[in-house]
Amino acid sequence: VKIVKAYYRLPKKKITIDQFLRYIAQMGGFLNRKGDGNPGWQSIWEGWKFFLGLKEGVRLQKEGLICG
């Protein structure tokens, strides 16, 4: 949740599971427009893969293996 909040520069308030899933789907190409329905499995999957890359980057940063 902290990674998603940092990526989208969200305020410190809590987000729901639905909001978290939509943010993940947006990372995978879901546009989240007013008339759009729920995100599909493909955009969720693509977003999840992108999110895992971000998570790995955070882990490497914390371990001091990368700088910047």
N, C-alpha and C. Protein backbone atom coordinates (compact mmCIF):
# COMPACT_ATOMS: atom_id res chain seq x y z
N VAL A 1 0.83 -1.19 0.00
CA VAL A 1 0.00 0.00 0.00
C VAL A 1 0.88 1.26 0.00
N LYS A 2 1.98 1.21 0.75
CA LYS A 2 2.88 2.37 0.80
C LYS A 2 3.47 2.68 -0.57
N ILE A 3 3.78 1.64 -1.34
CA ILE A 3 4.35 1.84 -2.67
C ILE A 3 3.33 2.50 -3.59
N VAL A 4 2.09 2.02 -3.55
CA VAL A 4 1.03 2.61 -4.39
C VAL A 4 0.80 4.07 -4.00
N LYS A 5 0.75 4.35 -2.71
CA LYS A 5 0.54 5.73 -2.25
C LYS A 5 1.69 6.64 -2.70
N ALA A 6 2.91 6.14 -2.63
CA ALA A 6 4.06 6.94 -3.05
C ALA A 6 4.05 7.14 -4.56
N TYR A 7 3.72 6.10 -5.32
CA TYR A 7 3.72 6.17 -6.78
C TYR A 7 2.70 7.21 -7.29
N TYR A 8 1.53 7.22 -6.68
CA TYR A 8 0.47 8.15 -7.10
C TYR A 8 0.43 9.42 -6.27
N ARG A 9 1.36 9.57 -5.34
CA ARG A 9 1.43 10.75 -4.46
C ARG A 9 0.09 11.01 -3.77
N LEU A 10 -0.43 9.97 -3.13
CA LEU A 10 -1.71 10.06 -2.44
C LEU A 10 -1.51 10.59 -1.03
N PRO A 11 -2.53 11.24 -0.48
CA PRO A 11 -2.42 11.70 0.90
C PRO A 11 -2.33 10.52 1.86
N LYS A 12 -2.04 10.83 3.10
CA LYS A 12 -1.81 9.80 4.12
C LYS A 12 -3.07 9.05 4.55
N LYS A 13 -4.23 9.36 3.96
CA LYS A 13 -5.46 8.68 4.38
C LYS A 13 -5.47 7.23 3.89
N LYS A 14 -6.34 6.43 4.48
CA LYS A 14 -6.45 5.02 4.12
C LYS A 14 -7.13 4.87 2.77
N ILE A 15 -6.75 3.82 2.03
CA ILE A 15 -7.44 3.51 0.79
C ILE A 15 -8.12 2.15 0.95
N THR A 16 -9.20 1.96 0.21
CA THR A 16 -9.94 0.71 0.28
C THR A 16 -9.30 -0.33 -0.62
N ILE A 17 -9.73 -1.56 -0.50
CA ILE A 17 -9.23 -2.63 -1.35
C ILE A 17 -9.60 -2.34 -2.81
N ASP A 18 -10.81 -1.84 -3.05
CA ASP A 18 -11.24 -1.50 -4.40
C ASP A 18 -10.35 -0.42 -5.00
N GLN A 19 -10.04 0.61 -4.23
CA GLN A 19 -9.16 1.66 -4.73
C GLN A 19 -7.77 1.12 -5.03
N PHE A 20 -7.24 0.27 -4.14
CA PHE A 20 -5.93 -0.33 -4.35
C PHE A 20 -5.92 -1.13 -5.66
N LEU A 21 -6.95 -1.94 -5.88
CA LEU A 21 -7.03 -2.75 -7.10
C LEU A 21 -7.11 -1.87 -8.34
N ARG A 22 -7.86 -0.78 -8.26
CA ARG A 22 -7.95 0.13 -9.40
C ARG A 22 -6.61 0.82 -9.68
N TYR A 23 -5.87 1.17 -8.64
CA TYR A 23 -4.55 1.76 -8.84
C TYR A 23 -3.61 0.75 -9.49
N ILE A 24 -3.68 -0.50 -9.06
CA ILE A 24 -2.85 -1.54 -9.68
C ILE A 24 -3.25 -1.69 -11.15
N ALA A 25 -4.55 -1.71 -11.44
CA ALA A 25 -5.02 -1.83 -12.82
C ALA A 25 -4.58 -0.63 -13.66
N GLN A 26 -4.55 0.55 -13.07
CA GLN A 26 -4.09 1.73 -13.80
C GLN A 26 -2.63 1.58 -14.20
N MET A 27 -1.84 0.94 -13.36
CA MET A 27 -0.44 0.68 -13.71
C MET A 27 -0.35 -0.24 -14.93
N GLY A 28 -1.40 -1.01 -15.16
CA GLY A 28 -1.45 -1.92 -16.30
C GLY A 28 -2.19 -1.39 -17.50
N GLY A 29 -2.59 -0.12 -17.46
CA GLY A 29 -3.22 0.49 -18.63
C GLY A 29 -4.69 0.82 -18.48
N PHE A 30 -5.32 0.46 -17.37
CA PHE A 30 -6.73 0.78 -17.14
C PHE A 30 -6.86 2.29 -16.98
N LEU A 31 -7.81 2.91 -17.70
CA LEU A 31 -7.93 4.36 -17.70
C LEU A 31 -8.74 4.92 -16.54
N ASN A 32 -9.62 4.13 -15.95
CA ASN A 32 -10.42 4.53 -14.79
C ASN A 32 -11.25 5.79 -15.05
N ARG A 33 -11.87 5.82 -16.22
CA ARG A 33 -12.74 6.95 -16.52
C ARG A 33 -14.09 6.74 -15.84
N LYS A 34 -14.88 7.80 -15.78
CA LYS A 34 -16.15 7.76 -15.07
C LYS A 34 -17.08 6.67 -15.61
N GLY A 35 -17.15 6.51 -16.91
CA GLY A 35 -18.06 5.54 -17.51
C GLY A 35 -17.50 4.13 -17.61
N ASP A 36 -16.23 3.95 -17.28
CA ASP A 36 -15.62 2.62 -17.36
C ASP A 36 -16.17 1.73 -16.25
N GLY A 37 -16.26 0.46 -16.54
CA GLY A 37 -16.67 -0.50 -15.52
C GLY A 37 -15.49 -0.87 -14.64
N ASN A 38 -15.56 -2.06 -14.11
CA ASN A 38 -14.47 -2.56 -13.30
C ASN A 38 -13.31 -2.99 -14.20
N PRO A 39 -12.09 -2.93 -13.71
CA PRO A 39 -10.96 -3.34 -14.53
C PRO A 39 -10.99 -4.84 -14.79
N GLY A 40 -10.48 -5.23 -15.94
CA GLY A 40 -10.42 -6.64 -16.30
C GLY A 40 -9.15 -7.30 -15.80
N TRP A 41 -9.10 -8.60 -15.97
CA TRP A 41 -7.98 -9.35 -15.44
C TRP A 41 -6.67 -9.01 -16.14
N GLN A 42 -6.73 -8.63 -17.43
CA GLN A 42 -5.50 -8.34 -18.15
C GLN A 42 -4.82 -7.08 -17.63
N SER A 43 -5.60 -6.03 -17.42
CA SER A 43 -5.00 -4.80 -16.91
C SER A 43 -4.55 -4.98 -15.46
N ILE A 44 -5.27 -5.78 -14.70
CA ILE A 44 -4.84 -6.06 -13.32
C ILE A 44 -3.52 -6.84 -13.34
N TRP A 45 -3.42 -7.84 -14.23
CA TRP A 45 -2.20 -8.65 -14.31
C TRP A 45 -1.00 -7.80 -14.75
N GLU A 46 -1.18 -6.99 -15.79
CA GLU A 46 -0.09 -6.14 -16.26
C GLU A 46 0.33 -5.14 -15.18
N GLY A 47 -0.64 -4.59 -14.48
CA GLY A 47 -0.34 -3.67 -13.39
C GLY A 47 0.37 -4.36 -12.24
N TRP A 48 -0.02 -5.61 -11.96
CA TRP A 48 0.61 -6.35 -10.88
C TRP A 48 2.09 -6.63 -11.21
N LYS A 49 2.36 -6.96 -12.47
CA LYS A 49 3.75 -7.19 -12.87
C LYS A 49 4.57 -5.90 -12.71
N PHE A 50 3.99 -4.77 -13.10
CA PHE A 50 4.67 -3.49 -12.94
C PHE A 50 4.90 -3.19 -11.46
N PHE A 51 3.89 -3.44 -10.65
CA PHE A 51 3.98 -3.21 -9.21
C PHE A 51 5.09 -4.06 -8.58
N LEU A 52 5.19 -5.31 -9.00
CA LEU A 52 6.24 -6.18 -8.46
C LEU A 52 7.63 -5.65 -8.80
N GLY A 53 7.76 -5.02 -9.98
CA GLY A 53 9.03 -4.38 -10.33
C GLY A 53 9.34 -3.22 -9.41
N LEU A 54 8.33 -2.42 -9.10
CA LEU A 54 8.52 -1.32 -8.16
C LEU A 54 8.92 -1.84 -6.78
N LYS A 55 8.24 -2.91 -6.37
CA LYS A 55 8.52 -3.50 -5.06
C LYS A 55 9.95 -4.01 -4.99
N GLU A 56 10.43 -4.63 -6.05
CA GLU A 56 11.80 -5.12 -6.09
C GLU A 56 12.79 -3.96 -6.04
N GLY A 57 12.46 -2.86 -6.72
CA GLY A 57 13.31 -1.68 -6.65
C GLY A 57 13.41 -1.10 -5.25
N VAL A 58 12.31 -1.09 -4.54
CA VAL A 58 12.31 -0.61 -3.16
C VAL A 58 13.17 -1.51 -2.29
N ARG A 59 13.06 -2.82 -2.49
CA ARG A 59 13.86 -3.77 -1.72
C ARG A 59 15.35 -3.57 -1.98
N LEU A 60 15.73 -3.41 -3.23
CA LEU A 60 17.12 -3.19 -3.57
C LEU A 60 17.64 -1.88 -2.98
N GLN A 61 16.80 -0.85 -3.00
CA GLN A 61 17.18 0.44 -2.41
C GLN A 61 17.43 0.30 -0.91
N LYS A 62 16.54 -0.40 -0.23
CA LYS A 62 16.67 -0.58 1.22
C LYS A 62 17.92 -1.37 1.58
N GLU A 63 18.28 -2.33 0.75
CA GLU A 63 19.47 -3.15 1.01
C GLU A 63 20.75 -2.46 0.59
N GLY A 64 20.64 -1.29 -0.02
CA GLY A 64 21.82 -0.54 -0.42
C GLY A 64 22.48 -1.07 -1.67
N LEU A 65 21.77 -1.85 -2.44
CA LEU A 65 22.34 -2.44 -3.65
C LEU A 65 22.25 -1.50 -4.85
N ILE A 66 21.39 -0.50 -4.76
CA ILE A 66 21.32 0.52 -5.81
C ILE A 66 21.32 1.89 -5.14
N CYS A 67 21.66 2.88 -5.88
CA CYS A 67 21.64 4.24 -5.32
C CYS A 67 20.77 5.12 -6.22
N GLY A 68 20.29 6.22 -5.65
CA GLY A 68 19.52 7.14 -6.44
C GLY A 68 18.11 7.25 -6.10
